[in-house]
C-alpha atoms as a PDB file:
ATOM      1  CA  MET A   1      39.485  24.584  34.130  1.00  0.00           C
ATOM      2  CA  GLN A   2      37.548  24.689  30.853  1.00  0.00           C
ATOM      3  CA  THR A   3      33.969  23.598  30.237  1.00  0.00           C
ATOM      4  CA  LEU A   4      33.174  21.258  27.389  1.00  0.00           C
ATOM      5  CA  ARG A   5      29.666  20.379  26.295  1.00  0.00           C
ATOM      6  CA  ILE A   6      29.118  17.625  23.752  1.00  0.00           C
ATOM      7  CA  GLU A   7      26.114  15.876  22.295  1.00  0.00           C
ATOM      8  CA  VAL A   8      26.625  12.234  21.427  1.00  0.00           C
ATOM      9  CA  SER A   9      24.453   9.520  19.957  1.00  0.00           C
ATOM     10  CA  ASN A  10      23.077   6.831  22.231  1.00  0.00           C
ATOM     11  CA  SER A  11      25.300   4.234  20.600  1.00  0.00           C
ATOM     12  CA  ILE A  12      28.556   5.792  21.873  1.00  0.00           C
ATOM     13  CA  TYR A  13      27.340   7.443  25.080  1.00  0.00           C
ATOM     14  CA  GLU A  14      28.471   4.632  27.392  1.00  0.00           C
ATOM     15  CA  HIS A  15      31.900   4.507  25.747  1.00  0.00           C
ATOM     16  CA  ILE A  16      32.467   8.211  26.229  1.00  0.00           C
ATOM     17  CA  ILE A  17      31.355   8.132  29.866  1.00  0.00           C
ATOM     18  CA  PHE A  18      33.644   5.146  30.482  1.00  0.00           C
ATOM     19  CA  PHE A  19      36.571   7.032  28.964  1.00  0.00           C
ATOM     20  CA  LEU A  20      35.867  10.206  30.946  1.00  0.00           C
ATOM     21  CA  GLN A  21      35.574   8.270  34.193  1.00  0.00           C
ATOM     22  CA  SER A  22      38.972   6.699  33.565  1.00  0.00           C
ATOM     23  CA  LEU A  23      40.671  10.112  33.663  1.00  0.00           C
ATOM     24  CA  PRO A  24      42.199  11.345  36.955  1.00  0.00           C
ATOM     25  CA  LYS A  25      39.462  12.609  39.269  1.00  0.00           C
ATOM     26  CA  ASN A  26      41.390  15.738  40.225  1.00  0.00           C
ATOM     27  CA  LEU A  27      41.580  16.817  36.569  1.00  0.00           C
ATOM     28  CA  ILE A  28      37.968  16.348  35.521  1.00  0.00           C
ATOM     29  CA  ASN A  29      34.499  16.962  36.874  1.00  0.00           C
ATOM     30  CA  ILE A  30      31.863  15.007  34.952  1.00  0.00           C
ATOM     31  CA  SER A  31      28.417  16.509  34.856  1.00  0.00           C
ATOM     32  CA  HIS A  32      26.055  14.885  32.410  1.00  0.00           C
ATOM     33  CA  GLU A  33      22.363  14.923  31.736  1.00  0.00           C
ATOM     34  CA  ILE A  34      20.361  12.423  29.792  1.00  0.00           C
ATOM     35  CA  LYS A  35      17.623  13.897  27.674  1.00  0.00           C
ATOM     36  CA  PRO A  36      14.464  11.814  27.771  1.00  0.00           C
ATOM     37  CA  THR A  37      13.548  10.109  24.554  1.00  0.00           C
ATOM     38  CA  LEU A  38      10.559  11.747  22.976  1.00  0.00           C
ATOM     39  CA  TYR A  39       7.784   9.385  22.042  1.00  0.00           C
ATOM     40  CA  GLN A  40       4.044   9.416  21.841  1.00  0.00           C
ATOM     41  CA  LYS A  41       2.747   8.337  25.227  1.00  0.00           C
ATOM     42  CA  LYS A  42      -0.460   6.399  25.532  1.00  0.00           C
ATOM     43  CA  SER A  43      -2.722   7.331  28.363  1.00  0.00           C
ATOM     44  CA  ILE A  44      -2.287   5.176  31.442  1.00  0.00           C
ATOM     45  CA  LYS A  45      -5.878   4.021  31.117  1.00  0.00           C
ATOM     46  CA  ASN A  46      -5.238   2.782  27.567  1.00  0.00           C
ATOM     47  CA  GLU A  47      -2.041   1.024  28.629  1.00  0.00           C
ATOM     48  CA  ILE A  48      -3.798  -0.759  31.498  1.00  0.00           C
ATOM     49  CA  GLU A  49      -6.698  -1.808  29.277  1.00  0.00           C
ATOM     50  CA  GLU A  50      -4.253  -3.112  26.678  1.00  0.00           C
ATOM     51  CA  LEU A  51      -2.350  -5.134  29.285  1.00  0.00           C
ATOM     52  CA  PHE A  52      -5.532  -6.644  30.689  1.00  0.00           C
ATOM     53  CA  SER A  53      -6.804  -7.604  27.248  1.00  0.00           C
ATOM     54  CA  LYS A  54      -3.481  -9.195  26.252  1.00  0.00           C
ATOM     55  CA  ASN A  55      -3.316 -11.195  29.481  1.00  0.00           C
ATOM     56  CA  SER A  56      -6.974 -12.048  30.005  1.00  0.00           C
ATOM     57  CA  ASN A  57      -6.242 -15.779  29.911  1.00  0.00           C
ATOM     58  CA  ILE A  58      -3.912 -15.690  32.945  1.00  0.00           C
ATOM     59  CA  GLU A  59      -5.496 -17.084  36.100  1.00  0.00           C
ATOM     60  CA  ALA A  60      -2.804 -16.159  38.610  1.00  0.00           C
ATOM     61  CA  PHE A  61      -4.853 -16.225  41.813  1.00  0.00           C
ATOM     62  CA  GLN A  62      -7.348 -18.993  41.090  1.00  0.00           C
ATOM     63  CA  GLY A  63      -5.681 -21.358  43.576  1.00  0.00           C
ATOM     64  CA  ILE A  64      -6.080 -19.006  46.553  1.00  0.00           C
ATOM     65  CA  LYS A  65      -9.018 -20.147  48.665  1.00  0.00           C
ATOM     66  CA  ASP A  66      -8.685 -17.618  51.528  1.00  0.00           C
ATOM     67  CA  PRO A  67      -7.054 -14.334  50.406  1.00  0.00           C
ATOM     68  CA  VAL A  68      -6.553 -13.053  53.970  1.00  0.00           C
ATOM     69  CA  GLU A  69      -4.790 -16.237  55.074  1.00  0.00           C
ATOM     70  CA  TRP A  70      -2.686 -16.256  51.904  1.00  0.00           C
ATOM     71  CA  GLN A  71      -1.612 -12.658  52.536  1.00  0.00           C
ATOM     72  CA  LYS A  72      -0.639 -13.495  56.128  1.00  0.00           C
ATOM     73  CA  SER A  73       1.475 -16.422  54.948  1.00  0.00           C
ATOM     74  CA  ILE A  74       3.270 -14.173  52.451  1.00  0.00           C
ATOM     75  CA  ARG A  75       3.996 -11.634  55.194  1.00  0.00           C
ATOM     76  CA  ASP A  76       5.284 -14.399  57.484  1.00  0.00           C
ATOM     77  CA  GLU A  77       8.011 -15.103  54.921  1.00  0.00           C
ATOM     78  CA  TRP A  78       9.395 -11.592  55.513  1.00  0.00           C
ATOM     79  CA  GLU A  79       9.995 -12.162  59.225  1.00  0.00           C
END
C-alpha cells in the first residue's frame, strides 16, 4: 500500500471525502485530519458581555413566579 497526503481547499473537501469513501474498503484506509481555522479569538468574558448587551431586552424568565416549583415541573417532564 502507498501513502498519499493531500491538502485541499474547504470548498472541495467534502467531495473528495465522498469519493474516497466510495472506493472499496479493502483497498483504501482513509485517515484525515481537519486543521482548525485560525482566527482571532475574543476572550470568553468579552464574548459573554457582548451577548448580554445585545440581548438585554429579552425577558425570558419574567413569567416564573416560583423558580423552584418551575424547575421541578421541568424535571417532571423527563420522567
